[in-house]
Structure formats: C-alpha cells, structure tokens
PDB file of N, CA and C in Angstrom:
ATOM      1  N   UNK A   1     -15.530 -31.146   4.417  1.00  0.00           N
ATOM      2  CA  UNK A   1     -15.799 -30.019   3.509  1.00  0.00           C
ATOM      3  C   UNK A   1     -16.831 -30.410   2.499  1.00  0.00           C
ATOM      4  N   UNK A   2     -17.304 -29.442   1.803  1.00  0.00           N
ATOM      5  CA  UNK A   2     -18.279 -29.700   0.800  1.00  0.00           C
ATOM      6  C   UNK A   2     -17.549 -29.867  -0.544  1.00  0.00           C
ATOM      7  N   UNK A   3     -18.106 -29.276  -1.614  1.00  0.00           N
ATOM      8  CA  UNK A   3     -17.491 -29.401  -2.905  1.00  0.00           C
ATOM      9  C   UNK A   3     -16.082 -28.730  -2.906  1.00  0.00           C
ATOM     10  N   UNK A   4     -15.098 -29.421  -3.405  1.00  0.00           N
ATOM     11  CA  UNK A   4     -13.729 -28.910  -3.397  1.00  0.00           C
ATOM     12  C   UNK A   4     -13.231 -28.849  -4.845  1.00  0.00           C
ATOM     13  N   UNK A   5     -12.289 -27.919  -5.038  1.00  0.00           N
ATOM     14  CA  UNK A   5     -11.637 -27.839  -6.347  1.00  0.00           C
ATOM     15  C   UNK A   5     -10.559 -28.880  -6.502  1.00  0.00           C
ATOM     16  N   UNK A   6     -10.379 -29.422  -7.666  1.00  0.00           N
ATOM     17  CA  UNK A   6      -9.279 -30.352  -7.938  1.00  0.00           C
ATOM     18  C   UNK A   6      -8.112 -29.564  -8.447  1.00  0.00           C
ATOM     19  N   UNK A   7      -6.902 -30.009  -8.311  1.00  0.00           N
ATOM     20  CA  UNK A   7      -6.492 -31.265  -7.637  1.00  0.00           C
ATOM     21  C   UNK A   7      -6.165 -31.084  -6.171  1.00  0.00           C
ATOM     22  N   UNK A   8      -6.539 -29.968  -5.601  1.00  0.00           N
ATOM     23  CA  UNK A   8      -6.240 -29.700  -4.191  1.00  0.00           C
ATOM     24  C   UNK A   8      -6.983 -30.650  -3.273  1.00  0.00           C
ATOM     25  N   UNK A   9      -6.245 -31.276  -2.376  1.00  0.00           N
ATOM     26  CA  UNK A   9      -6.889 -32.080  -1.348  1.00  0.00           C
ATOM     27  C   UNK A   9      -6.953 -31.246  -0.105  1.00  0.00           C
ATOM     28  N   UNK A  10      -8.145 -31.026   0.371  1.00  0.00           N
ATOM     29  CA  UNK A  10      -8.324 -30.141   1.540  1.00  0.00           C
ATOM     30  C   UNK A  10      -7.856 -30.862   2.814  1.00  0.00           C
ATOM     31  N   UNK A  11      -7.140 -30.145   3.631  1.00  0.00           N
ATOM     32  CA  UNK A  11      -6.644 -30.766   4.897  1.00  0.00           C
ATOM     33  C   UNK A  11      -7.791 -30.891   5.893  1.00  0.00           C
ATOM     34  N   UNK A  12      -7.620 -31.764   6.834  1.00  0.00           N
ATOM     35  CA  UNK A  12      -8.602 -31.896   7.924  1.00  0.00           C
ATOM     36  C   UNK A  12      -8.258 -30.927   9.073  1.00  0.00           C
ATOM     37  N   UNK A  13      -7.084 -30.322   9.005  1.00  0.00           N
ATOM     38  CA  UNK A  13      -6.672 -29.319   9.987  1.00  0.00           C
ATOM     39  C   UNK A  13      -5.606 -28.445   9.378  1.00  0.00           C
ATOM     40  N   UNK A  14      -5.426 -27.225   9.902  1.00  0.00           N
ATOM     41  CA  UNK A  14      -4.413 -26.316   9.422  1.00  0.00           C
ATOM     42  C   UNK A  14      -3.975 -25.398  10.556  1.00  0.00           C
ATOM     43  N   UNK A  15      -2.901 -24.658  10.315  1.00  0.00           N
ATOM     44  CA  UNK A  15      -2.341 -23.766  11.296  1.00  0.00           C
ATOM     45  C   UNK A  15      -3.011 -22.397  11.247  1.00  0.00           C
ATOM     46  N   UNK A  16      -3.221 -21.825  12.428  1.00  0.00           N
ATOM     47  CA  UNK A  16      -3.746 -20.468  12.532  1.00  0.00           C
ATOM     48  C   UNK A  16      -3.204 -19.855  13.831  1.00  0.00           C
ATOM     49  N   UNK A  17      -3.599 -18.653  14.062  1.00  0.00           N
ATOM     50  CA  UNK A  17      -3.199 -17.914  15.241  1.00  0.00           C
ATOM     51  C   UNK A  17      -4.447 -17.559  16.073  1.00  0.00           C
ATOM     52  N   UNK A  18      -4.361 -17.652  17.378  1.00  0.00           N
ATOM     53  CA  UNK A  18      -5.449 -17.240  18.265  1.00  0.00           C
ATOM     54  C   UNK A  18      -4.959 -16.366  19.365  1.00  0.00           C
ATOM     55  N   UNK A  19      -5.791 -15.418  19.736  1.00  0.00           N
ATOM     56  CA  UNK A  19      -5.503 -14.601  20.960  1.00  0.00           C
ATOM     57  C   UNK A  19      -5.669 -15.483  22.153  1.00  0.00           C
ATOM     58  N   UNK A  20      -4.724 -15.436  23.080  1.00  0.00           N
ATOM     59  CA  UNK A  20      -4.788 -16.236  24.322  1.00  0.00           C
ATOM     60  C   UNK A  20      -5.153 -15.410  25.540  1.00  0.00           C
ATOM     61  N   UNK A  21      -5.520 -14.169  25.330  1.00  0.00           N
ATOM     62  CA  UNK A  21      -5.866 -13.308  26.436  1.00  0.00           C
ATOM     63  C   UNK A  21      -4.750 -12.276  26.627  1.00  0.00           C
ATOM     64  N   UNK A  22      -5.058 -11.235  27.382  1.00  0.00           N
ATOM     65  CA  UNK A  22      -4.082 -10.202  27.598  1.00  0.00           C
ATOM     66  C   UNK A  22      -4.177  -9.074  26.602  1.00  0.00           C
ATOM     67  N   UNK A  23      -3.326  -8.099  26.764  1.00  0.00           N
ATOM     68  CA  UNK A  23      -3.377  -6.853  25.975  1.00  0.00           C
ATOM     69  C   UNK A  23      -2.221  -6.722  25.016  1.00  0.00           C
ATOM     70  N   UNK A  24      -1.452  -7.773  24.789  1.00  0.00           N
ATOM     71  CA  UNK A  24      -0.249  -7.715  23.952  1.00  0.00           C
ATOM     72  C   UNK A  24      -0.342  -8.610  22.746  1.00  0.00           C
ATOM     73  N   UNK A  25       0.179  -8.173  21.602  1.00  0.00           N
ATOM     74  CA  UNK A  25       0.247  -9.057  20.454  1.00  0.00           C
ATOM     75  C   UNK A  25       1.078 -10.324  20.764  1.00  0.00           C
ATOM     76  N   UNK A  26       1.936 -10.274  21.782  1.00  0.00           N
ATOM     77  CA  UNK A  26       2.711 -11.443  22.164  1.00  0.00           C
ATOM     78  C   UNK A  26       1.810 -12.537  22.726  1.00  0.00           C
ATOM     79  N   UNK A  27       0.544 -12.227  23.006  1.00  0.00           N
ATOM     80  CA  UNK A  27      -0.386 -13.268  23.462  1.00  0.00           C
ATOM     81  C   UNK A  27      -1.080 -14.017  22.329  1.00  0.00           C
ATOM     82  N   UNK A  28      -0.601 -13.769  21.115  1.00  0.00           N
ATOM     83  CA  UNK A  28      -1.059 -14.513  19.926  1.00  0.00           C
ATOM     84  C   UNK A  28      -0.251 -15.796  19.814  1.00  0.00           C
ATOM     85  N   UNK A  29      -0.923 -16.931  19.693  1.00  0.00           N
ATOM     86  CA  UNK A  29      -0.249 -18.215  19.663  1.00  0.00           C
ATOM     87  C   UNK A  29      -0.648 -19.062  18.433  1.00  0.00           C
ATOM     88  N   UNK A  30       0.312 -19.739  17.904  1.00  0.00           N
ATOM     89  CA  UNK A  30       0.039 -20.636  16.749  1.00  0.00           C
ATOM     90  C   UNK A  30      -0.683 -21.887  17.296  1.00  0.00           C
ATOM     91  N   UNK A  31      -1.768 -22.263  16.609  1.00  0.00           N
ATOM     92  CA  UNK A  31      -2.598 -23.391  17.025  1.00  0.00           C
ATOM     93  C   UNK A  31      -2.995 -24.214  15.798  1.00  0.00           C
ATOM     94  N   UNK A  32      -3.449 -25.426  16.056  1.00  0.00           N
ATOM     95  CA  UNK A  32      -4.030 -26.221  14.988  1.00  0.00           C
ATOM     96  C   UNK A  32      -5.539 -26.035  15.001  1.00  0.00           C
ATOM     97  N   UNK A  33      -6.082 -25.724  13.817  1.00  0.00           N
ATOM     98  CA  UNK A  33      -7.509 -25.512  13.649  1.00  0.00           C
ATOM     99  C   UNK A  33      -8.113 -26.646  12.886  1.00  0.00           C
ATOM    100  N   UNK A  34      -9.133 -27.267  13.375  1.00  0.00           N
ATOM    101  CA  UNK A  34      -9.770 -28.379  12.705  1.00  0.00           C
ATOM    102  C   UNK A  34     -10.826 -27.901  11.706  1.00  0.00           C
ATOM    103  N   UNK A  35     -10.839 -28.532  10.539  1.00  0.00           N
ATOM    104  CA  UNK A  35     -11.804 -28.183   9.513  1.00  0.00           C
ATOM    105  C   UNK A  35     -13.202 -28.524  10.005  1.00  0.00           C
ATOM    106  N   UNK A  36     -14.189 -27.671   9.629  1.00  0.00           N
ATOM    107  CA  UNK A  36     -15.588 -27.929   9.904  1.00  0.00           C
ATOM    108  C   UNK A  36     -16.338 -27.926   8.610  1.00  0.00           C
ATOM    109  N   UNK A  37     -17.476 -28.660   8.517  1.00  0.00           N
ATOM    110  CA  UNK A  37     -18.246 -28.574   7.263  1.00  0.00           C
ATOM    111  C   UNK A  37     -18.727 -27.144   7.010  1.00  0.00           C
ATOM    112  N   UNK A  38     -18.720 -26.766   5.787  1.00  0.00           N
ATOM    113  CA  UNK A  38     -19.158 -25.425   5.381  1.00  0.00           C
ATOM    114  C   UNK A  38     -20.685 -25.348   5.489  1.00  0.00           C
ATOM    115  N   UNK A  39     -21.187 -24.175   5.829  1.00  0.00           N
ATOM    116  CA  UNK A  39     -22.591 -23.877   5.783  1.00  0.00           C
ATOM    117  C   UNK A  39     -22.958 -23.792   4.287  1.00  0.00           C
ATOM    118  N   UNK A  40     -24.218 -23.916   3.943  1.00  0.00           N
ATOM    119  CA  UNK A  40     -24.619 -23.942   2.522  1.00  0.00           C
ATOM    120  C   UNK A  40     -24.199 -22.685   1.742  1.00  0.00           C
ATOM    121  N   UNK A  41     -24.158 -21.512   2.388  1.00  0.00           N
ATOM    122  CA  UNK A  41     -23.805 -20.308   1.673  1.00  0.00           C
ATOM    123  C   UNK A  41     -22.413 -19.808   2.035  1.00  0.00           C
ATOM    124  N   UNK A  42     -21.480 -20.723   2.356  1.00  0.00           N
ATOM    125  CA  UNK A  42     -20.122 -20.398   2.690  1.00  0.00           C
ATOM    126  C   UNK A  42     -19.140 -20.884   1.640  1.00  0.00           C
ATOM    127  N   UNK A  43     -17.978 -20.194   1.563  1.00  0.00           N
ATOM    128  CA  UNK A  43     -16.838 -20.665   0.775  1.00  0.00           C
ATOM    129  C   UNK A  43     -15.662 -20.824   1.725  1.00  0.00           C
ATOM    130  N   UNK A  44     -14.697 -21.620   1.347  1.00  0.00           N
ATOM    131  CA  UNK A  44     -13.457 -21.745   2.092  1.00  0.00           C
ATOM    132  C   UNK A  44     -12.328 -21.153   1.198  1.00  0.00           C
ATOM    133  N   UNK A  45     -11.640 -20.169   1.799  1.00  0.00           N
ATOM    134  CA  UNK A  45     -10.546 -19.496   1.103  1.00  0.00           C
ATOM    135  C   UNK A  45      -9.227 -19.930   1.652  1.00  0.00           C
ATOM    136  N   UNK A  46      -8.302 -20.311   0.744  1.00  0.00           N
ATOM    137  CA  UNK A  46      -6.918 -20.545   1.104  1.00  0.00           C
ATOM    138  C   UNK A  46      -6.223 -19.186   1.031  1.00  0.00           C
ATOM    139  N   UNK A  47      -5.858 -18.664   2.202  1.00  0.00           N
ATOM    140  CA  UNK A  47      -5.312 -17.346   2.298  1.00  0.00           C
ATOM    141  C   UNK A  47      -3.889 -17.257   1.706  1.00  0.00           C
ATOM    142  N   UNK A  48      -3.686 -16.267   0.844  1.00  0.00           N
ATOM    143  CA  UNK A  48      -2.379 -15.956   0.276  1.00  0.00           C
ATOM    144  C   UNK A  48      -1.788 -14.702   0.905  1.00  0.00           C
ATOM    145  N   UNK A  49      -2.636 -13.822   1.368  1.00  0.00           N
ATOM    146  CA  UNK A  49      -2.222 -12.570   1.985  1.00  0.00           C
ATOM    147  C   UNK A  49      -3.250 -12.149   3.017  1.00  0.00           C
ATOM    148  N   UNK A  50      -2.782 -11.569   4.108  1.00  0.00           N
ATOM    149  CA  UNK A  50      -3.692 -11.038   5.118  1.00  0.00           C
ATOM    150  C   UNK A  50      -3.352  -9.606   5.411  1.00  0.00           C
ATOM    151  N   UNK A  51      -4.355  -8.839   5.834  1.00  0.00           N
ATOM    152  CA  UNK A  51      -4.110  -7.470   6.195  1.00  0.00           C
ATOM    153  C   UNK A  51      -4.081  -7.320   7.734  1.00  0.00           C
ATOM    154  N   UNK A  52      -3.287  -6.445   8.200  1.00  0.00           N
ATOM    155  CA  UNK A  52      -3.271  -6.109   9.618  1.00  0.00           C
ATOM    156  C   UNK A  52      -4.014  -4.772   9.770  1.00  0.00           C
ATOM    157  N   UNK A  53      -5.256  -4.897  10.127  1.00  0.00           N
ATOM    158  CA  UNK A  53      -6.140  -3.749  10.281  1.00  0.00           C
ATOM    159  C   UNK A  53      -6.045  -3.235  11.725  1.00  0.00           C
ATOM    160  N   UNK A  54      -6.112  -1.915  11.933  1.00  0.00           N
ATOM    161  CA  UNK A  54      -6.054  -1.420  13.317  1.00  0.00           C
ATOM    162  C   UNK A  54      -7.026  -2.073  14.263  1.00  0.00           C
ATOM    163  N   UNK A  55      -8.198  -2.480  13.792  1.00  0.00           N
ATOM    164  CA  UNK A  55      -9.158  -3.118  14.675  1.00  0.00           C
ATOM    165  C   UNK A  55      -8.611  -4.460  15.200  1.00  0.00           C
ATOM    166  N   UNK A  56      -7.711  -5.083  14.495  1.00  0.00           N
ATOM    167  CA  UNK A  56      -7.153  -6.388  14.917  1.00  0.00           C
ATOM    168  C   UNK A  56      -6.412  -6.284  16.237  1.00  0.00           C
ATOM    169  N   UNK A  57      -5.749  -5.177  16.504  1.00  0.00           N
ATOM    170  CA  UNK A  57      -5.021  -5.025  17.749  1.00  0.00           C
ATOM    171  C   UNK A  57      -5.751  -4.180  18.770  1.00  0.00           C
ATOM    172  N   UNK A  58      -6.752  -3.438  18.345  1.00  0.00           N
ATOM    173  CA  UNK A  58      -7.491  -2.586  19.290  1.00  0.00           C
ATOM    174  C   UNK A  58      -8.479  -3.413  20.133  1.00  0.00           C
ATOM    175  N   UNK A  59      -8.846  -4.584  19.688  1.00  0.00           N
ATOM    176  CA  UNK A  59      -9.847  -5.385  20.393  1.00  0.00           C
ATOM    177  C   UNK A  59      -9.220  -6.689  21.000  1.00  0.00           C
ATOM    178  N   UNK A  60      -7.958  -6.673  21.328  1.00  0.00           N
ATOM    179  CA  UNK A  60      -7.275  -7.838  21.791  1.00  0.00           C
ATOM    180  C   UNK A  60      -7.968  -8.511  22.955  1.00  0.00           C
ATOM    181  N   UNK A  61      -8.401  -7.754  23.948  1.00  0.00           N
ATOM    182  CA  UNK A  61      -8.961  -8.338  25.156  1.00  0.00           C
ATOM    183  C   UNK A  61     -10.365  -8.877  24.969  1.00  0.00           C
ATOM    184  N   UNK A  62     -11.045  -8.545  23.861  1.00  0.00           N
ATOM    185  CA  UNK A  62     -12.408  -9.030  23.690  1.00  0.00           C
ATOM    186  C   UNK A  62     -12.517 -10.199  22.746  1.00  0.00           C
ATOM    187  N   UNK A  63     -11.378 -10.713  22.209  1.00  0.00           N
ATOM    188  CA  UNK A  63     -11.428 -11.794  21.243  1.00  0.00           C
ATOM    189  C   UNK A  63     -10.628 -12.994  21.694  1.00  0.00           C
ATOM    190  N   UNK A  64     -10.597 -13.291  22.990  1.00  0.00           N
ATOM    191  CA  UNK A  64      -9.876 -14.453  23.488  1.00  0.00           C
ATOM    192  C   UNK A  64     -10.406 -15.694  22.846  1.00  0.00           C
ATOM    193  N   UNK A  65      -9.452 -16.506  22.299  1.00  0.00           N
ATOM    194  CA  UNK A  65      -9.823 -17.757  21.653  1.00  0.00           C
ATOM    195  C   UNK A  65     -10.266 -17.622  20.225  1.00  0.00           C
ATOM    196  N   UNK A  66     -10.234 -16.429  19.669  1.00  0.00           N
ATOM    197  CA  UNK A  66     -10.682 -16.229  18.298  1.00  0.00           C
ATOM    198  C   UNK A  66      -9.475 -16.014  17.375  1.00  0.00           C
ATOM    199  N   UNK A  67      -9.612 -16.453  16.110  1.00  0.00           N
ATOM    200  CA  UNK A  67      -8.649 -16.153  15.077  1.00  0.00           C
ATOM    201  C   UNK A  67      -8.866 -14.762  14.587  1.00  0.00           C
ATOM    202  N   UNK A  68      -7.922 -13.827  14.813  1.00  0.00           N
ATOM    203  CA  UNK A  68      -8.133 -12.478  14.385  1.00  0.00           C
ATOM    204  C   UNK A  68      -7.912 -12.258  12.885  1.00  0.00           C
ATOM    205  N   UNK A  69      -8.152 -11.062  12.442  1.00  0.00           N
ATOM    206  CA  UNK A  69      -7.926 -10.705  11.055  1.00  0.00           C
ATOM    207  C   UNK A  69      -9.223 -10.513  10.288  1.00  0.00           C
ATOM    208  N   UNK A  70      -9.523  -9.256   9.952  1.00  0.00           N
ATOM    209  CA  UNK A  70     -10.762  -8.959   9.241  1.00  0.00           C
ATOM    210  C   UNK A  70     -10.561  -8.820   7.764  1.00  0.00           C
ATOM    211  N   UNK A  71      -9.305  -8.819   7.259  1.00  0.00           N
ATOM    212  CA  UNK A  71      -9.050  -8.601   5.865  1.00  0.00           C
ATOM    213  C   UNK A  71      -8.139  -9.698   5.329  1.00  0.00           C
ATOM    214  N   UNK A  72      -8.381 -10.187   4.119  1.00  0.00           N
ATOM    215  CA  UNK A  72      -7.544 -11.190   3.530  1.00  0.00           C
ATOM    216  C   UNK A  72      -7.748 -11.306   2.038  1.00  0.00           C
ATOM    217  N   UNK A  73      -6.896 -12.106   1.410  1.00  0.00           N
ATOM    218  CA  UNK A  73      -7.019 -12.377  -0.026  1.00  0.00           C
ATOM    219  C   UNK A  73      -6.488 -13.810  -0.257  1.00  0.00           C
ATOM    220  N   UNK A  74      -7.147 -14.494  -1.179  1.00  0.00           N
ATOM    221  CA  UNK A  74      -6.702 -15.861  -1.468  1.00  0.00           C
ATOM    222  C   UNK A  74      -7.551 -16.473  -2.580  1.00  0.00           C
ATOM    223  N   UNK A  75      -7.612 -17.792  -2.562  1.00  0.00           N
ATOM    224  CA  UNK A  75      -8.329 -18.572  -3.605  1.00  0.00           C
ATOM    225  C   UNK A  75      -9.428 -19.371  -2.961  1.00  0.00           C
ATOM    226  N   UNK A  76     -10.596 -19.368  -3.600  1.00  0.00           N
ATOM    227  CA  UNK A  76     -11.725 -20.206  -3.132  1.00  0.00           C
ATOM    228  C   UNK A  76     -11.385 -21.667  -3.475  1.00  0.00           C
ATOM    229  N   UNK A  77     -11.310 -22.514  -2.410  1.00  0.00           N
ATOM    230  CA  UNK A  77     -10.944 -23.911  -2.620  1.00  0.00           C
ATOM    231  C   UNK A  77     -12.079 -24.886  -2.349  1.00  0.00           C
ATOM    232  N   UNK A  78     -13.149 -24.422  -1.692  1.00  0.00           N
ATOM    233  CA  UNK A  78     -14.301 -25.253  -1.410  1.00  0.00           C
ATOM    234  C   UNK A  78     -15.526 -24.373  -1.302  1.00  0.00           C
ATOM    235  N   UNK A  79     -16.688 -24.905  -1.631  1.00  0.00           N
ATOM    236  CA  UNK A  79     -17.929 -24.136  -1.599  1.00  0.00           C
ATOM    237  C   UNK A  79     -19.019 -24.914  -0.901  1.00  0.00           C
ATOM    238  N   UNK A  80     -19.972 -24.176  -0.295  1.00  0.00           N
ATOM    239  CA  UNK A  80     -21.156 -24.796   0.249  1.00  0.00           C
ATOM    240  C   UNK A  80     -22.156 -25.157  -0.841  1.00  0.00           C
ATOM    241  N   UNK A  81     -23.137 -25.911  -0.458  1.00  0.00           N
ATOM    242  CA  UNK A  81     -24.095 -26.440  -1.401  1.00  0.00           C
ATOM    243  C   UNK A  81     -24.901 -25.384  -2.186  1.00  0.00           C
ATOM    244  N   UNK A  82     -25.036 -24.170  -1.642  1.00  0.00           N
ATOM    245  CA  UNK A  82     -25.776 -23.103  -2.275  1.00  0.00           C
ATOM    246  C   UNK A  82     -24.923 -22.133  -3.111  1.00  0.00           C
ATOM    247  N   UNK A  83     -23.644 -22.425  -3.201  1.00  0.00           N
ATOM    248  CA  UNK A  83     -22.691 -21.499  -3.855  1.00  0.00           C
ATOM    249  C   UNK A  83     -22.470 -21.946  -5.288  1.00  0.00           C
ATOM    250  N   UNK A  84     -22.445 -20.999  -6.243  1.00  0.00           N
ATOM    251  CA  UNK A  84     -22.226 -21.346  -7.644  1.00  0.00           C
ATOM    252  C   UNK A  84     -20.858 -21.977  -7.837  1.00  0.00           C
ATOM    253  N   UNK A  85     -20.806 -23.099  -8.570  1.00  0.00           N
ATOM    254  CA  UNK A  85     -19.569 -23.822  -8.787  1.00  0.00           C
ATOM    255  C   UNK A  85     -18.494 -23.012  -9.480  1.00  0.00           C
ATOM    256  N   UNK A  86     -18.855 -21.986 -10.239  1.00  0.00           N
ATOM    257  CA  UNK A  86     -17.833 -21.177 -10.934  1.00  0.00           C
ATOM    258  C   UNK A  86     -16.994 -20.371  -9.988  1.00  0.00           C
ATOM    259  N   UNK A  87     -17.328 -20.320  -8.717  1.00  0.00           N
ATOM    260  CA  UNK A  87     -16.487 -19.619  -7.731  1.00  0.00           C
ATOM    261  C   UNK A  87     -15.252 -20.413  -7.356  1.00  0.00           C
ATOM    262  N   UNK A  88     -15.270 -21.747  -7.514  1.00  0.00           N
ATOM    263  CA  UNK A  88     -14.094 -22.548  -7.258  1.00  0.00           C
ATOM    264  C   UNK A  88     -12.924 -22.095  -8.038  1.00  0.00           C
ATOM    265  N   UNK A  89     -11.803 -21.930  -7.365  1.00  0.00           N
ATOM    266  CA  UNK A  89     -10.581 -21.468  -8.071  1.00  0.00           C
ATOM    267  C   UNK A  89     -10.468 -20.000  -8.282  1.00  0.00           C
ATOM    268  N   UNK A  90     -11.499 -19.238  -7.919  1.00  0.00           N
ATOM    269  CA  UNK A  90     -11.465 -17.741  -8.081  1.00  0.00           C
ATOM    270  C   UNK A  90     -10.628 -17.143  -6.994  1.00  0.00           C
ATOM    271  N   UNK A  91      -9.835 -16.114  -7.409  1.00  0.00           N
ATOM    272  CA  UNK A  91      -9.070 -15.327  -6.414  1.00  0.00           C
ATOM    273  C   UNK A  91      -9.986 -14.267  -5.892  1.00  0.00           C
ATOM    274  N   UNK A  92      -9.947 -14.056  -4.568  1.00  0.00           N
ATOM    275  CA  UNK A  92     -10.855 -13.098  -3.925  1.00  0.00           C
ATOM    276  C   UNK A  92     -10.113 -12.272  -2.911  1.00  0.00           C
ATOM    277  N   UNK A  93     -10.551 -11.041  -2.705  1.00  0.00           N
ATOM    278  CA  UNK A  93     -10.169 -10.210  -1.553  1.00  0.00           C
ATOM    279  C   UNK A  93     -11.409 -10.113  -0.718  1.00  0.00           C
ATOM    280  N   UNK A  94     -11.250 -10.138   0.615  1.00  0.00           N
ATOM    281  CA  UNK A  94     -12.432 -10.214   1.474  1.00  0.00           C
ATOM    282  C   UNK A  94     -12.248  -9.381   2.753  1.00  0.00           C
ATOM    283  N   UNK A  95     -13.395  -9.079   3.335  1.00  0.00           N
ATOM    284  CA  UNK A  95     -13.479  -8.436   4.647  1.00  0.00           C
ATOM    285  C   UNK A  95     -14.459  -9.208   5.465  1.00  0.00           C
ATOM    286  N   UNK A  96     -14.098  -9.552   6.673  1.00  0.00           N
ATOM    287  CA  UNK A  96     -14.903 -10.398   7.598  1.00  0.00           C
ATOM    288  C   UNK A  96     -15.285  -9.585   8.830  1.00  0.00           C
ATOM    289  N   UNK A  97     -16.392  -9.885   9.444  1.00  0.00           N
ATOM    290  CA  UNK A  97     -16.792  -9.221  10.666  1.00  0.00           C
ATOM    291  C   UNK A  97     -15.940  -9.731  11.820  1.00  0.00           C
ATOM    292  N   UNK A  98     -16.010  -9.027  12.923  1.00  0.00           N
ATOM    293  CA  UNK A  98     -15.305  -9.440  14.127  1.00  0.00           C
ATOM    294  C   UNK A  98     -15.949 -10.606  14.832  1.00  0.00           C
ATOM    295  N   UNK A  99     -17.113 -11.041  14.373  1.00  0.00           N
ATOM    296  CA  UNK A  99     -17.874 -12.134  14.999  1.00  0.00           C
ATOM    297  C   UNK A  99     -17.425 -13.496  14.566  1.00  0.00           C
ATOM    298  N   UNK A 100     -16.577 -13.580  13.564  1.00  0.00           N
ATOM    299  CA  UNK A 100     -16.145 -14.892  12.998  1.00  0.00           C
ATOM    300  C   UNK A 100     -14.635 -14.966  13.004  1.00  0.00           C
ATOM    301  N   UNK A 101     -14.132 -16.205  12.943  1.00  0.00           N
ATOM    302  CA  UNK A 101     -12.688 -16.348  12.822  1.00  0.00           C
ATOM    303  C   UNK A 101     -12.210 -15.703  11.535  1.00  0.00           C
ATOM    304  N   UNK A 102     -11.022 -15.098  11.570  1.00  0.00           N
ATOM    305  CA  UNK A 102     -10.536 -14.292  10.493  1.00  0.00           C
ATOM    306  C   UNK A 102      -9.381 -14.837   9.717  1.00  0.00           C
ATOM    307  N   UNK A 103      -8.570 -13.908   9.163  1.00  0.00           N
ATOM    308  CA  UNK A 103      -7.539 -14.238   8.197  1.00  0.00           C
ATOM    309  C   UNK A 103      -6.230 -14.754   8.740  1.00  0.00           C
ATOM    310  N   UNK A 104      -6.006 -14.747  10.044  1.00  0.00           N
ATOM    311  CA  UNK A 104      -4.726 -15.182  10.580  1.00  0.00           C
ATOM    312  C   UNK A 104      -4.653 -16.696  10.638  1.00  0.00           C
ATOM    313  N   UNK A 105      -4.935 -17.363   9.491  1.00  0.00           N
ATOM    314  CA  UNK A 105      -4.955 -18.810   9.401  1.00  0.00           C
ATOM    315  C   UNK A 105      -4.680 -19.173   7.935  1.00  0.00           C
ATOM    316  N   UNK A 106      -4.323 -20.418   7.712  1.00  0.00           N
ATOM    317  CA  UNK A 106      -4.072 -20.858   6.337  1.00  0.00           C
ATOM    318  C   UNK A 106      -5.357 -20.840   5.502  1.00  0.00           C
ATOM    319  N   UNK A 107      -6.472 -21.188   6.132  1.00  0.00           N
ATOM    320  CA  UNK A 107      -7.788 -21.192   5.449  1.00  0.00           C
ATOM    321  C   UNK A 107      -8.796 -20.416   6.287  1.00  0.00           C
ATOM    322  N   UNK A 108      -9.742 -19.784   5.656  1.00  0.00           N
ATOM    323  CA  UNK A 108     -10.831 -19.102   6.375  1.00  0.00           C
ATOM    324  C   UNK A 108     -12.169 -19.390   5.673  1.00  0.00           C
ATOM    325  N   UNK A 109     -13.148 -19.898   6.449  1.00  0.00           N
ATOM    326  CA  UNK A 109     -14.519 -20.017   5.917  1.00  0.00           C
ATOM    327  C   UNK A 109     -15.211 -18.652   5.938  1.00  0.00           C
ATOM    328  N   UNK A 110     -15.870 -18.349   4.839  1.00  0.00           N
ATOM    329  CA  UNK A 110     -16.497 -17.013   4.713  1.00  0.00           C
ATOM    330  C   UNK A 110     -17.940 -17.186   4.234  1.00  0.00           C
ATOM    331  N   UNK A 111     -18.835 -16.390   4.814  1.00  0.00           N
ATOM    332  CA  UNK A 111     -20.194 -16.283   4.279  1.00  0.00           C
ATOM    333  C   UNK A 111     -20.160 -15.486   3.002  1.00  0.00           C
ATOM    334  N   UNK A 112     -21.072 -15.765   2.111  1.00  0.00           N
ATOM    335  CA  UNK A 112     -21.095 -15.111   0.820  1.00  0.00           C
ATOM    336  C   UNK A 112     -21.383 -13.613   0.929  1.00  0.00           C
ATOM    337  N   UNK A 113     -21.817 -13.138   2.047  1.00  0.00           N
ATOM    338  CA  UNK A 113     -22.029 -11.678   2.206  1.00  0.00           C
ATOM    339  C   UNK A 113     -20.750 -11.013   2.746  1.00  0.00           C
ATOM    340  N   UNK A 114     -19.748 -11.772   3.092  1.00  0.00           N
ATOM    341  CA  UNK A 114     -18.492 -11.218   3.628  1.00  0.00           C
ATOM    342  C   UNK A 114     -17.725 -10.507   2.571  1.00  0.00           C
TER     343      UNK A 114
END
C-alpha cells in the first residue's frame, strides 16, 4: 500500500465475496483478496457498511470472478501518491462502477472520481 493512516496496520490480504458463475446469489463465495498497490489517484476504504443495489443481482452472470457491490461507506485508510493527506481517516460514502471490484469486501480501492 501507499501512505497509510496510523495506528492501523494494513493487511496484506482480506476477506471478500466473489461471484462464481451462475444466476443465483448462492453462487457468491467468500474468498481471500490480496492487497495491491494503490494507483496514484486512488484511496483504500475500510468498509463499514455496504448497500445491496438492484444492479448487484441483475448482472450476476456478467461479473464472474468480480467482487460485487456498487455502494458502500467506510473510512479512508490509505491514499495514493496524488491524494491529499487530509483524506486519511475521513469517513466516506461512495458509488463504484461495475468495471471495478466493489463493496462486498473488507476493503475497497477507489478512484478519486468514484
């Protein structure tokens, strides 16, 4: 990770959920997700709450292997090199596109336009 807030030690991996294929929410499985370095304009959010948006279940068959969830809320715990340091520790509510891993995980990396 990039710059992190103290005293939180960021994990190298965390738990999330991924679609495993099929048309049923029962095809959602708990998996270990490995941390990746943040892009310069990204933040890492520790999710405290997630939303279940209708789009999350309507596109089951097109998101195999992806962490679903387009809505979430939590605390910014790490920032990319181009992100203002005052965002560390800020609570945020966010909306993510379907093109990126989403809120069904302990942590979610987000672009600053998300």
